[in-house]
């Protein structure tokens, strides 16, 4: 394996961390355990107060630790990238992990397709214990879909350092900075290539950024969609108002439909997208249609389940016993 990749590119992986000791060892070992030999690993710590330093010291000589002020994860990641020497970059959050062949698979695709700027693959959402929850909804690259949703799982993505130097992370964003990066790279016509292979696991738990800052995720994402595309899809507005109403995280706690919230979403969608009134109305009708179909489907499944359940009839009274009146 080493001989095969003797002339292969150096890949720099950055892990931003702050008090993530609970999962950090698993994340580090998923990087150091890669079956690709040319990896530079940088861990950027924002002066954690937990056991992070003790954990990292066990890997002395196998990674480089950089310490700096706590200015947000995007700042920490960018700090690592500015000191990275690799021609291919990736970042892995302190609670996520790579598949053992993730880096090698990405490098092979870069070498086979030299015009590719970003490579990404499939990923699984996992829970606190590492159990698979479900697959991340990744699809083959379609720039138009980015205007509605992020279909690229960040830990399963790698990109060329030269491309990152042209379009760096927006350090002012506290969340959704990966989504923002994909949108801006796509706007620059950078070439993305999808690998239909599981490259990483993204851990979902109550303290992860996506769920711990749920309201901020909605607000920042809607703002960047408005800024980049001039339009906020109704699905985001409905999710946001639903969260404001019931506080359900819409991952572990599924989104609940409310006619009142939907009506408010339509009104707000038209107001926020005043330059695209017809699109907002069509979006509302389309979303309502999908919601109605889901409700009908759920009702049909419930009826089918009820009909398929065995019915237990009461036993008739014994013939030799008197029926009480």
C-alpha atoms as a PDB file:
ATOM      1  CA  UNK A   1       0.000   0.000   0.000  1.00  0.00           C
ATOM      2  CA  UNK A   2       2.800   2.420   0.879  1.00  0.00           C
ATOM      3  CA  UNK A   3       4.602   1.745  -2.395  1.00  0.00           C
ATOM      4  CA  UNK A   4       1.440   2.279  -4.375  1.00  0.00           C
ATOM      5  CA  UNK A   5       1.029   5.761  -2.897  1.00  0.00           C
ATOM      6  CA  UNK A   6       4.696   6.757  -2.674  1.00  0.00           C
ATOM      7  CA  UNK A   7       4.100   9.662  -5.069  1.00  0.00           C
ATOM      8  CA  UNK A   8       0.554  10.361  -3.905  1.00  0.00           C
ATOM      9  CA  UNK A   9      -0.501  13.797  -2.610  1.00  0.00           C
ATOM     10  CA  UNK A  10      -0.358  14.849   1.021  1.00  0.00           C
ATOM     11  CA  UNK A  11      -3.823  15.163   2.577  1.00  0.00           C
ATOM     12  CA  UNK A  12      -4.281  17.572   5.488  1.00  0.00           C
ATOM     13  CA  UNK A  13      -7.103  16.866   7.942  1.00  0.00           C
ATOM     14  CA  UNK A  14      -8.160  19.484  10.487  1.00  0.00           C
ATOM     15  CA  UNK A  15     -10.238  18.774  13.599  1.00  0.00           C
ATOM     16  CA  UNK A  16     -11.633  21.764  15.498  1.00  0.00           C
ATOM     17  CA  UNK A  17     -12.369  20.981  19.123  1.00  0.00           C
ATOM     18  CA  UNK A  18     -13.624  22.524  22.319  1.00  0.00           C
ATOM     19  CA  UNK A  19     -14.490  20.344  25.323  1.00  0.00           C
ATOM     20  CA  UNK A  20     -15.288  17.380  23.076  1.00  0.00           C
ATOM     21  CA  UNK A  21     -13.258  14.855  25.028  1.00  0.00           C
ATOM     22  CA  UNK A  22     -16.139  12.399  25.176  1.00  0.00           C
ATOM     23  CA  UNK A  23     -15.850  11.589  21.455  1.00  0.00           C
ATOM     24  CA  UNK A  24     -12.390  12.907  20.581  1.00  0.00           C
ATOM     25  CA  UNK A  25     -10.453   9.635  20.885  1.00  0.00           C
ATOM     26  CA  UNK A  26     -12.759   7.894  18.424  1.00  0.00           C
ATOM     27  CA  UNK A  27     -12.458  10.783  15.987  1.00  0.00           C
ATOM     28  CA  UNK A  28      -8.654  10.923  16.227  1.00  0.00           C
ATOM     29  CA  UNK A  29      -8.257   7.184  15.768  1.00  0.00           C
ATOM     30  CA  UNK A  30     -10.489   7.238  12.692  1.00  0.00           C
ATOM     31  CA  UNK A  31      -7.996   9.664  11.115  1.00  0.00           C
ATOM     32  CA  UNK A  32      -4.825   7.925  12.289  1.00  0.00           C
ATOM     33  CA  UNK A  33      -6.256   4.547  11.301  1.00  0.00           C
ATOM     34  CA  UNK A  34      -6.701   5.463   7.623  1.00  0.00           C
ATOM     35  CA  UNK A  35      -5.259   3.036   5.061  1.00  0.00           C
ATOM     36  CA  UNK A  36      -3.648   5.959   3.202  1.00  0.00           C
ATOM     37  CA  UNK A  37      -0.082   6.821   4.302  1.00  0.00           C
ATOM     38  CA  UNK A  38       0.291  10.502   3.409  1.00  0.00           C
ATOM     39  CA  UNK A  39      -1.803  12.330   5.982  1.00  0.00           C
ATOM     40  CA  UNK A  40      -1.008  15.441   7.971  1.00  0.00           C
ATOM     41  CA  UNK A  41      -3.316  15.754  10.974  1.00  0.00           C
ATOM     42  CA  UNK A  42      -3.866  19.077  12.739  1.00  0.00           C
ATOM     43  CA  UNK A  43      -6.086  19.486  15.777  1.00  0.00           C
ATOM     44  CA  UNK A  44      -7.122  23.050  16.615  1.00  0.00           C
ATOM     45  CA  UNK A  45      -8.200  23.373  20.245  1.00  0.00           C
ATOM     46  CA  UNK A  46      -9.841  26.468  21.715  1.00  0.00           C
ATOM     47  CA  UNK A  47      -8.338  25.971  25.182  1.00  0.00           C
ATOM     48  CA  UNK A  48     -10.621  23.132  26.243  1.00  0.00           C
ATOM     49  CA  UNK A  49     -11.129  22.699  29.968  1.00  0.00           C
ATOM     50  CA  UNK A  50     -11.983  18.991  29.857  1.00  0.00           C
ATOM     51  CA  UNK A  51      -9.614  16.043  29.251  1.00  0.00           C
ATOM     52  CA  UNK A  52      -8.837  17.027  25.637  1.00  0.00           C
ATOM     53  CA  UNK A  53      -5.143  17.729  26.308  1.00  0.00           C
ATOM     54  CA  UNK A  54      -4.669  14.406  28.109  1.00  0.00           C
ATOM     55  CA  UNK A  55      -6.259  12.553  25.203  1.00  0.00           C
ATOM     56  CA  UNK A  56      -4.194  14.371  22.572  1.00  0.00           C
ATOM     57  CA  UNK A  57      -0.914  13.798  24.464  1.00  0.00           C
ATOM     58  CA  UNK A  58      -1.359  10.056  23.961  1.00  0.00           C
ATOM     59  CA  UNK A  59      -0.878  10.620  20.228  1.00  0.00           C
ATOM     60  CA  UNK A  60       2.248  12.743  20.541  1.00  0.00           C
ATOM     61  CA  UNK A  61       4.151  12.811  17.277  1.00  0.00           C
ATOM     62  CA  UNK A  62       1.195  11.549  15.243  1.00  0.00           C
ATOM     63  CA  UNK A  63      -0.714  14.828  15.069  1.00  0.00           C
ATOM     64  CA  UNK A  64      -0.043  18.511  15.577  1.00  0.00           C
ATOM     65  CA  UNK A  65      -2.038  20.452  18.138  1.00  0.00           C
ATOM     66  CA  UNK A  66      -2.674  24.149  17.627  1.00  0.00           C
ATOM     67  CA  UNK A  67      -4.213  26.183  20.442  1.00  0.00           C
ATOM     68  CA  UNK A  68      -5.986  29.477  20.022  1.00  0.00           C
ATOM     69  CA  UNK A  69      -8.859  31.642  21.259  1.00  0.00           C
ATOM     70  CA  UNK A  70     -12.424  30.408  21.063  1.00  0.00           C
ATOM     71  CA  UNK A  71     -13.686  32.372  18.050  1.00  0.00           C
ATOM     72  CA  UNK A  72     -16.009  29.753  16.598  1.00  0.00           C
ATOM     73  CA  UNK A  73     -15.535  26.497  14.689  1.00  0.00           C
ATOM     74  CA  UNK A  74     -15.184  28.151  11.280  1.00  0.00           C
ATOM     75  CA  UNK A  75     -12.286  30.232  12.612  1.00  0.00           C
ATOM     76  CA  UNK A  76     -10.632  27.143  14.122  1.00  0.00           C
ATOM     77  CA  UNK A  77     -10.956  25.170  10.880  1.00  0.00           C
ATOM     78  CA  UNK A  78      -9.606  28.037   8.792  1.00  0.00           C
ATOM     79  CA  UNK A  79      -6.699  28.435  11.225  1.00  0.00           C
ATOM     80  CA  UNK A  80      -5.817  24.794  10.641  1.00  0.00           C
ATOM     81  CA  UNK A  81      -6.078  25.127   6.863  1.00  0.00           C
ATOM     82  CA  UNK A  82      -3.759  28.157   6.815  1.00  0.00           C
ATOM     83  CA  UNK A  83      -1.065  26.015   8.445  1.00  0.00           C
ATOM     84  CA  UNK A  84      -1.745  22.872   6.423  1.00  0.00           C
ATOM     85  CA  UNK A  85       0.800  21.675   3.869  1.00  0.00           C
ATOM     86  CA  UNK A  86      -1.392  19.229   1.962  1.00  0.00           C
ATOM     87  CA  UNK A  87      -2.715  19.706  -1.568  1.00  0.00           C
ATOM     88  CA  UNK A  88      -6.007  18.086  -0.510  1.00  0.00           C
ATOM     89  CA  UNK A  89      -7.933  19.256   2.540  1.00  0.00           C
ATOM     90  CA  UNK A  90     -10.718  17.959   4.739  1.00  0.00           C
ATOM     91  CA  UNK A  91     -12.046  18.660   8.195  1.00  0.00           C
ATOM     92  CA  UNK A  92     -13.512  16.262  10.693  1.00  0.00           C
ATOM     93  CA  UNK A  93     -15.428  17.505  13.711  1.00  0.00           C
ATOM     94  CA  UNK A  94     -14.371  16.138  17.087  1.00  0.00           C
ATOM     95  CA  UNK A  95     -17.516  14.007  17.402  1.00  0.00           C
ATOM     96  CA  UNK A  96     -17.528  12.597  13.848  1.00  0.00           C
ATOM     97  CA  UNK A  97     -15.416   9.823  12.342  1.00  0.00           C
ATOM     98  CA  UNK A  98     -14.112   8.551   9.015  1.00  0.00           C
ATOM     99  CA  UNK A  99     -14.582   5.173   7.408  1.00  0.00           C
ATOM    100  CA  UNK A 100     -11.160   3.403   7.296  1.00  0.00           C
ATOM    101  CA  UNK A 101     -10.756   3.954   3.538  1.00  0.00           C
ATOM    102  CA  UNK A 102     -12.249   7.448   3.303  1.00  0.00           C
ATOM    103  CA  UNK A 103      -9.068   9.382   2.501  1.00  0.00           C
ATOM    104  CA  UNK A 104      -7.734   6.784   0.081  1.00  0.00           C
ATOM    105  CA  UNK A 105     -11.038   6.678  -1.797  1.00  0.00           C
ATOM    106  CA  UNK A 106     -11.107  10.462  -2.100  1.00  0.00           C
ATOM    107  CA  UNK A 107      -7.484  10.618  -3.312  1.00  0.00           C
ATOM    108  CA  UNK A 108      -8.108   7.911  -5.913  1.00  0.00           C
ATOM    109  CA  UNK A 109     -10.978   9.949  -7.345  1.00  0.00           C
ATOM    110  CA  UNK A 110      -8.903  13.116  -7.421  1.00  0.00           C
ATOM    111  CA  UNK A 111      -6.128  11.263  -9.258  1.00  0.00           C
ATOM    112  CA  UNK A 112      -8.509   9.669 -11.765  1.00  0.00           C
ATOM    113  CA  UNK A 113     -10.371  12.932 -12.342  1.00  0.00           C
ATOM    114  CA  UNK A 114      -7.781  15.741 -12.223  1.00  0.00           C
ATOM    115  CA  UNK A 115     -10.394  18.352 -13.143  1.00  0.00           C
ATOM    116  CA  UNK A 116     -12.397  17.646  -9.983  1.00  0.00           C
ATOM    117  CA  UNK A 117     -12.257  20.257  -7.231  1.00  0.00           C
ATOM    118  CA  UNK A 118     -14.466  18.701  -4.524  1.00  0.00           C
ATOM    119  CA  UNK A 119     -15.094  15.032  -3.795  1.00  0.00           C
ATOM    120  CA  UNK A 120     -17.838  13.871  -1.443  1.00  0.00           C
ATOM    121  CA  UNK A 121     -19.437  10.575  -0.570  1.00  0.00           C
ATOM    122  CA  UNK A 122     -22.193   9.032   1.490  1.00  0.00           C
ATOM    123  CA  UNK A 123     -22.379   9.275   5.261  1.00  0.00           C
ATOM    124  CA  UNK A 124     -24.411   7.837   8.099  1.00  0.00           C
ATOM    125  CA  UNK A 125     -25.939   9.733  10.969  1.00  0.00           C
ATOM    126  CA  UNK A 126     -24.896   7.987  14.175  1.00  0.00           C
ATOM    127  CA  UNK A 127     -25.978   8.387  17.793  1.00  0.00           C
ATOM    128  CA  UNK A 128     -23.967   8.971  20.970  1.00  0.00           C
ATOM    129  CA  UNK A 129     -22.885   5.324  21.132  1.00  0.00           C
ATOM    130  CA  UNK A 130     -21.979   5.080  17.435  1.00  0.00           C
ATOM    131  CA  UNK A 131     -25.136   3.247  16.411  1.00  0.00           C
ATOM    132  CA  UNK A 132     -26.392   4.083  12.931  1.00  0.00           C
ATOM    133  CA  UNK A 133     -29.554   6.196  12.972  1.00  0.00           C
ATOM    134  CA  UNK A 134     -30.013   6.478   9.219  1.00  0.00           C
ATOM    135  CA  UNK A 135     -28.238   7.483   6.040  1.00  0.00           C
ATOM    136  CA  UNK A 136     -27.526  11.140   5.324  1.00  0.00           C
ATOM    137  CA  UNK A 137     -29.669  12.191   2.305  1.00  0.00           C
ATOM    138  CA  UNK A 138     -26.763  12.591  -0.133  1.00  0.00           C
ATOM    139  CA  UNK A 139     -27.404  12.858  -3.875  1.00  0.00           C
ATOM    140  CA  UNK A 140     -25.283  13.248  -7.004  1.00  0.00           C
ATOM    141  CA  UNK A 141     -24.241  16.851  -7.430  1.00  0.00           C
ATOM    142  CA  UNK A 142     -26.901  19.259  -8.659  1.00  0.00           C
ATOM    143  CA  UNK A 143     -26.132  22.932  -8.084  1.00  0.00           C
ATOM    144  CA  UNK A 144     -29.805  23.902  -8.357  1.00  0.00           C
ATOM    145  CA  UNK A 145     -30.724  21.724  -5.363  1.00  0.00           C
ATOM    146  CA  UNK A 146     -28.338  23.712  -3.150  1.00  0.00           C
ATOM    147  CA  UNK A 147     -30.853  26.552  -3.386  1.00  0.00           C
ATOM    148  CA  UNK A 148     -33.224  24.397  -1.315  1.00  0.00           C
ATOM    149  CA  UNK A 149     -31.122  22.085   0.818  1.00  0.00           C
ATOM    150  CA  UNK A 150     -27.620  20.894   1.686  1.00  0.00           C
ATOM    151  CA  UNK A 151     -27.163  17.370   0.324  1.00  0.00           C
ATOM    152  CA  UNK A 152     -23.414  17.152   1.021  1.00  0.00           C
ATOM    153  CA  UNK A 153     -22.394  15.629   4.336  1.00  0.00           C
ATOM    154  CA  UNK A 154     -19.446  17.737   5.483  1.00  0.00           C
ATOM    155  CA  UNK A 155     -17.285  14.987   7.089  1.00  0.00           C
ATOM    156  CA  UNK A 156     -17.596  12.961   3.870  1.00  0.00           C
ATOM    157  CA  UNK A 157     -16.111  15.778   1.742  1.00  0.00           C
ATOM    158  CA  UNK A 158     -12.582  16.666   0.585  1.00  0.00           C
ATOM    159  CA  UNK A 159     -11.347  19.488  -1.651  1.00  0.00           C
ATOM    160  CA  UNK A 160      -8.206  20.785  -3.269  1.00  0.00           C
ATOM    161  CA  UNK A 161      -6.187  23.302  -1.247  1.00  0.00           C
ATOM    162  CA  UNK A 162      -5.856  25.552  -4.305  1.00  0.00           C
ATOM    163  CA  UNK A 163      -9.627  25.789  -4.566  1.00  0.00           C
ATOM    164  CA  UNK A 164      -9.993  26.557  -0.868  1.00  0.00           C
ATOM    165  CA  UNK A 165      -7.498  29.392  -1.172  1.00  0.00           C
ATOM    166  CA  UNK A 166      -9.835  30.980  -3.729  1.00  0.00           C
ATOM    167  CA  UNK A 167     -12.935  30.515  -1.584  1.00  0.00           C
ATOM    168  CA  UNK A 168     -12.336  30.201   2.157  1.00  0.00           C
ATOM    169  CA  UNK A 169     -14.755  29.574   5.002  1.00  0.00           C
ATOM    170  CA  UNK A 170     -16.757  32.572   6.179  1.00  0.00           C
ATOM    171  CA  UNK A 171     -15.470  32.876   9.753  1.00  0.00           C
ATOM    172  CA  UNK A 172     -18.331  35.209  10.674  1.00  0.00           C
ATOM    173  CA  UNK A 173     -20.840  32.353  10.401  1.00  0.00           C
ATOM    174  CA  UNK A 174     -21.400  30.498  13.697  1.00  0.00           C
ATOM    175  CA  UNK A 175     -23.222  27.623  11.953  1.00  0.00           C
ATOM    176  CA  UNK A 176     -24.003  26.422   8.394  1.00  0.00           C
ATOM    177  CA  UNK A 177     -20.570  27.583   7.191  1.00  0.00           C
ATOM    178  CA  UNK A 178     -20.087  24.314   5.287  1.00  0.00           C
ATOM    179  CA  UNK A 179     -23.352  24.837   3.386  1.00  0.00           C
ATOM    180  CA  UNK A 180     -22.271  28.390   2.604  1.00  0.00           C
ATOM    181  CA  UNK A 181     -18.933  27.105   1.282  1.00  0.00           C
ATOM    182  CA  UNK A 182     -20.582  24.607  -1.094  1.00  0.00           C
ATOM    183  CA  UNK A 183     -22.906  27.312  -2.422  1.00  0.00           C
ATOM    184  CA  UNK A 184     -20.042  29.724  -3.105  1.00  0.00           C
ATOM    185  CA  UNK A 185     -17.861  27.047  -4.711  1.00  0.00           C
ATOM    186  CA  UNK A 186     -20.762  26.012  -6.942  1.00  0.00           C
ATOM    187  CA  UNK A 187     -21.296  29.656  -7.923  1.00  0.00           C
ATOM    188  CA  UNK A 188     -17.641  29.704  -9.050  1.00  0.00           C
ATOM    189  CA  UNK A 189     -18.386  26.658 -11.260  1.00  0.00           C
ATOM    190  CA  UNK A 190     -16.035  24.464  -9.281  1.00  0.00           C
ATOM    191  CA  UNK A 191     -16.469  20.798 -10.138  1.00  0.00           C
ATOM    192  CA  UNK A 192     -17.949  18.453  -7.558  1.00  0.00           C
ATOM    193  CA  UNK A 193     -17.814  14.668  -7.847  1.00  0.00           C
ATOM    194  CA  UNK A 194     -20.005  12.299  -5.824  1.00  0.00           C
ATOM    195  CA  UNK A 195     -18.665   8.909  -4.692  1.00  0.00           C
ATOM    196  CA  UNK A 196     -21.463   6.382  -4.003  1.00  0.00           C
ATOM    197  CA  UNK A 197     -19.562   5.009  -1.026  1.00  0.00           C
ATOM    198  CA  UNK A 198     -19.826   5.603   2.718  1.00  0.00           C
ATOM    199  CA  UNK A 199     -16.887   7.783   3.750  1.00  0.00           C
ATOM    200  CA  UNK A 200     -17.878   9.079   7.176  1.00  0.00           C
ATOM    201  CA  UNK A 201     -20.263   9.104  10.113  1.00  0.00           C
ATOM    202  CA  UNK A 202     -21.825  12.317  11.397  1.00  0.00           C
ATOM    203  CA  UNK A 203     -22.764  12.107  15.072  1.00  0.00           C
ATOM    204  CA  UNK A 204     -26.133  13.530  16.105  1.00  0.00           C
ATOM    205  CA  UNK A 205     -26.687  14.219  19.789  1.00  0.00           C
ATOM    206  CA  UNK A 206     -28.276  16.944  21.894  1.00  0.00           C
ATOM    207  CA  UNK A 207     -25.004  18.863  22.296  1.00  0.00           C
ATOM    208  CA  UNK A 208     -23.978  18.853  18.628  1.00  0.00           C
ATOM    209  CA  UNK A 209     -23.954  22.213  16.875  1.00  0.00           C
ATOM    210  CA  UNK A 210     -26.871  21.395  14.564  1.00  0.00           C
ATOM    211  CA  UNK A 211     -29.261  20.581  17.399  1.00  0.00           C
ATOM    212  CA  UNK A 212     -27.874  22.631  20.287  1.00  0.00           C
ATOM    213  CA  UNK A 213     -28.218  25.812  18.207  1.00  0.00           C
ATOM    214  CA  UNK A 214     -31.340  24.850  16.296  1.00  0.00           C
ATOM    215  CA  UNK A 215     -32.899  28.298  16.101  1.00  0.00           C
ATOM    216  CA  UNK A 216     -29.597  29.834  15.022  1.00  0.00           C
ATOM    217  CA  UNK A 217     -29.204  27.171  12.312  1.00  0.00           C
ATOM    218  CA  UNK A 218     -32.588  28.142  10.877  1.00  0.00           C
ATOM    219  CA  UNK A 219     -31.919  31.867  11.023  1.00  0.00           C
ATOM    220  CA  UNK A 220     -28.379  31.748   9.631  1.00  0.00           C
ATOM    221  CA  UNK A 221     -29.318  29.302   6.868  1.00  0.00           C
ATOM    222  CA  UNK A 222     -32.334  31.330   5.767  1.00  0.00           C
ATOM    223  CA  UNK A 223     -30.167  34.433   5.720  1.00  0.00           C
ATOM    224  CA  UNK A 224     -27.492  32.835   3.540  1.00  0.00           C
ATOM    225  CA  UNK A 225     -30.122  31.415   1.159  1.00  0.00           C
ATOM    226  CA  UNK A 226     -31.630  34.884   0.834  1.00  0.00           C
ATOM    227  CA  UNK A 227     -28.185  36.391   0.284  1.00  0.00           C
ATOM    228  CA  UNK A 228     -27.024  33.873  -2.317  1.00  0.00           C
ATOM    229  CA  UNK A 229     -30.266  33.143  -4.151  1.00  0.00           C
ATOM    230  CA  UNK A 230     -32.596  36.001  -3.229  1.00  0.00           C
ATOM    231  CA  UNK A 231     -35.192  33.474  -2.084  1.00  0.00           C
ATOM    232  CA  UNK A 232     -36.039  31.495   1.061  1.00  0.00           C
ATOM    233  CA  UNK A 233     -37.880  28.205   0.358  1.00  0.00           C
ATOM    234  CA  UNK A 234     -41.140  27.693   2.239  1.00  0.00           C
ATOM    235  CA  UNK A 235     -39.826  24.453   3.744  1.00  0.00           C
ATOM    236  CA  UNK A 236     -37.229  26.435   5.708  1.00  0.00           C
ATOM    237  CA  UNK A 237     -39.746  29.029   6.848  1.00  0.00           C
ATOM    238  CA  UNK A 238     -42.230  26.361   7.932  1.00  0.00           C
ATOM    239  CA  UNK A 239     -39.515  24.449   9.817  1.00  0.00           C
ATOM    240  CA  UNK A 240     -38.385  27.648  11.523  1.00  0.00           C
ATOM    241  CA  UNK A 241     -41.869  28.718  12.635  1.00  0.00           C
ATOM    242  CA  UNK A 242     -42.647  25.172  13.752  1.00  0.00           C
ATOM    243  CA  UNK A 243     -39.517  25.174  15.899  1.00  0.00           C
ATOM    244  CA  UNK A 244     -40.444  28.548  17.347  1.00  0.00           C
ATOM    245  CA  UNK A 245     -43.874  27.132  18.192  1.00  0.00           C
ATOM    246  CA  UNK A 246     -43.069  23.771  19.777  1.00  0.00           C
ATOM    247  CA  UNK A 247     -39.264  23.573  20.170  1.00  0.00           C
ATOM    248  CA  UNK A 248     -39.069  20.148  18.501  1.00  0.00           C
ATOM    249  CA  UNK A 249     -35.607  19.605  17.005  1.00  0.00           C
ATOM    250  CA  UNK A 250     -37.058  17.991  13.842  1.00  0.00           C
ATOM    251  CA  UNK A 251     -34.447  15.233  13.930  1.00  0.00           C
ATOM    252  CA  UNK A 252     -35.027  13.106  17.013  1.00  0.00           C
ATOM    253  CA  UNK A 253     -38.411  14.820  17.421  1.00  0.00           C
ATOM    254  CA  UNK A 254     -40.166  14.773  14.026  1.00  0.00           C
ATOM    255  CA  UNK A 255     -41.687  17.894  12.546  1.00  0.00           C
ATOM    256  CA  UNK A 256     -45.401  18.177  13.316  1.00  0.00           C
ATOM    257  CA  UNK A 257     -47.758  19.674  10.769  1.00  0.00           C
ATOM    258  CA  UNK A 258     -49.908  22.569  11.907  1.00  0.00           C
ATOM    259  CA  UNK A 259     -52.370  24.281   9.573  1.00  0.00           C
ATOM    260  CA  UNK A 260     -51.978  27.524  11.531  1.00  0.00           C
ATOM    261  CA  UNK A 261     -48.168  27.433  11.257  1.00  0.00           C
ATOM    262  CA  UNK A 262     -48.386  26.571   7.579  1.00  0.00           C
ATOM    263  CA  UNK A 263     -50.699  29.513   6.934  1.00  0.00           C
ATOM    264  CA  UNK A 264     -48.314  31.814   8.801  1.00  0.00           C
ATOM    265  CA  UNK A 265     -45.411  30.379   6.782  1.00  0.00           C
ATOM    266  CA  UNK A 266     -47.168  31.159   3.502  1.00  0.00           C
ATOM    267  CA  UNK A 267     -47.837  34.726   4.586  1.00  0.00           C
ATOM    268  CA  UNK A 268     -44.283  35.214   5.822  1.00  0.00           C
ATOM    269  CA  UNK A 269     -42.856  33.530   2.724  1.00  0.00           C
ATOM    270  CA  UNK A 270     -44.625  35.978   0.435  1.00  0.00           C
ATOM    271  CA  UNK A 271     -43.424  38.891   2.579  1.00  0.00           C
ATOM    272  CA  UNK A 272     -39.810  37.713   2.756  1.00  0.00           C
ATOM    273  CA  UNK A 273     -39.758  36.812  -0.935  1.00  0.00           C
ATOM    274  CA  UNK A 274     -41.576  39.917  -2.133  1.00  0.00           C
ATOM    275  CA  UNK A 275     -39.437  40.051  -5.260  1.00  0.00           C
ATOM    276  CA  UNK A 276     -40.633  36.574  -6.212  1.00  0.00           C
ATOM    277  CA  UNK A 277     -44.371  36.565  -5.330  1.00  0.00           C
ATOM    278  CA  UNK A 278     -45.401  34.038  -7.990  1.00  0.00           C
ATOM    279  CA  UNK A 279     -42.622  31.646  -7.022  1.00  0.00           C
ATOM    280  CA  UNK A 280     -43.596  31.945  -3.355  1.00  0.00           C
ATOM    281  CA  UNK A 281     -47.245  31.136  -4.189  1.00  0.00           C
ATOM    282  CA  UNK A 282     -46.258  28.147  -6.341  1.00  0.00           C
ATOM    283  CA  UNK A 283     -43.870  26.991  -3.606  1.00  0.00           C
ATOM    284  CA  UNK A 284     -46.727  27.177  -1.100  1.00  0.00           C
ATOM    285  CA  UNK A 285     -49.054  25.163  -3.326  1.00  0.00           C
ATOM    286  CA  UNK A 286     -46.372  22.558  -4.017  1.00  0.00           C
ATOM    287  CA  UNK A 287     -45.478  22.230  -0.318  1.00  0.00           C
ATOM    288  CA  UNK A 288     -49.154  21.951   0.632  1.00  0.00           C
ATOM    289  CA  UNK A 289     -49.622  19.222  -1.974  1.00  0.00           C
ATOM    290  CA  UNK A 290     -46.669  17.229  -0.669  1.00  0.00           C
ATOM    291  CA  UNK A 291     -47.934  17.621   2.884  1.00  0.00           C
ATOM    292  CA  UNK A 292     -51.407  16.450   1.912  1.00  0.00           C
ATOM    293  CA  UNK A 293     -50.005  13.416   0.119  1.00  0.00           C
ATOM    294  CA  UNK A 294     -47.934  12.536   3.206  1.00  0.00           C
ATOM    295  CA  UNK A 295     -50.992  12.824   5.461  1.00  0.00           C
ATOM    296  CA  UNK A 296     -53.048  10.628   3.117  1.00  0.00           C
ATOM    297  CA  UNK A 297     -50.218   8.098   2.951  1.00  0.00           C
ATOM    298  CA  UNK A 298     -49.898   8.036   6.747  1.00  0.00           C
ATOM    299  CA  UNK A 299     -53.657   7.570   7.087  1.00  0.00           C
ATOM    300  CA  UNK A 300     -53.636   4.725   4.590  1.00  0.00           C
ATOM    301  CA  UNK A 301     -50.762   3.021   6.428  1.00  0.00           C
ATOM    302  CA  UNK A 302     -52.611   3.349   9.738  1.00  0.00           C
ATOM    303  CA  UNK A 303     -55.769   1.838   8.262  1.00  0.00           C
ATOM    304  CA  UNK A 304     -53.805  -0.980   6.660  1.00  0.00           C
ATOM    305  CA  UNK A 305     -52.000  -1.688   9.921  1.00  0.00           C
ATOM    306  CA  UNK A 306     -55.286  -1.726  11.826  1.00  0.00           C
ATOM    307  CA  UNK A 307     -56.879  -4.118   9.331  1.00  0.00           C
ATOM    308  CA  UNK A 308     -53.889  -6.445   9.394  1.00  0.00           C
ATOM    309  CA  UNK A 309     -53.863  -6.781  13.185  1.00  0.00           C
ATOM    310  CA  UNK A 310     -55.338 -10.086  14.349  1.00  0.00           C
ATOM    311  CA  UNK A 311     -58.673  -9.595  16.036  1.00  0.00           C
ATOM    312  CA  UNK A 312     -59.144 -11.557  19.254  1.00  0.00           C
ATOM    313  CA  UNK A 313     -62.806 -12.439  19.765  1.00  0.00           C
ATOM    314  CA  UNK A 314     -64.128 -13.132  23.264  1.00  0.00           C
ATOM    315  CA  UNK A 315     -64.545 -16.806  24.049  1.00  0.00           C
ATOM    316  CA  UNK A 316     -68.160 -17.996  24.254  1.00  0.00           C
ATOM    317  CA  UNK A 317     -69.364 -18.929  27.746  1.00  0.00           C
ATOM    318  CA  UNK A 318     -69.055 -22.579  28.675  1.00  0.00           C
ATOM    319  CA  UNK A 319     -72.244 -24.529  27.980  1.00  0.00           C
ATOM    320  CA  UNK A 320     -72.452 -25.917  31.494  1.00  0.00           C
ATOM    321  CA  UNK A 321     -72.157 -22.509  33.147  1.00  0.00           C
ATOM    322  CA  UNK A 322     -75.029 -20.161  33.740  1.00  0.00           C
ATOM    323  CA  UNK A 323     -74.601 -16.726  32.090  1.00  0.00           C
ATOM    324  CA  UNK A 324     -74.842 -14.062  34.724  1.00  0.00           C
ATOM    325  CA  UNK A 325     -77.490 -11.419  34.112  1.00  0.00           C
END
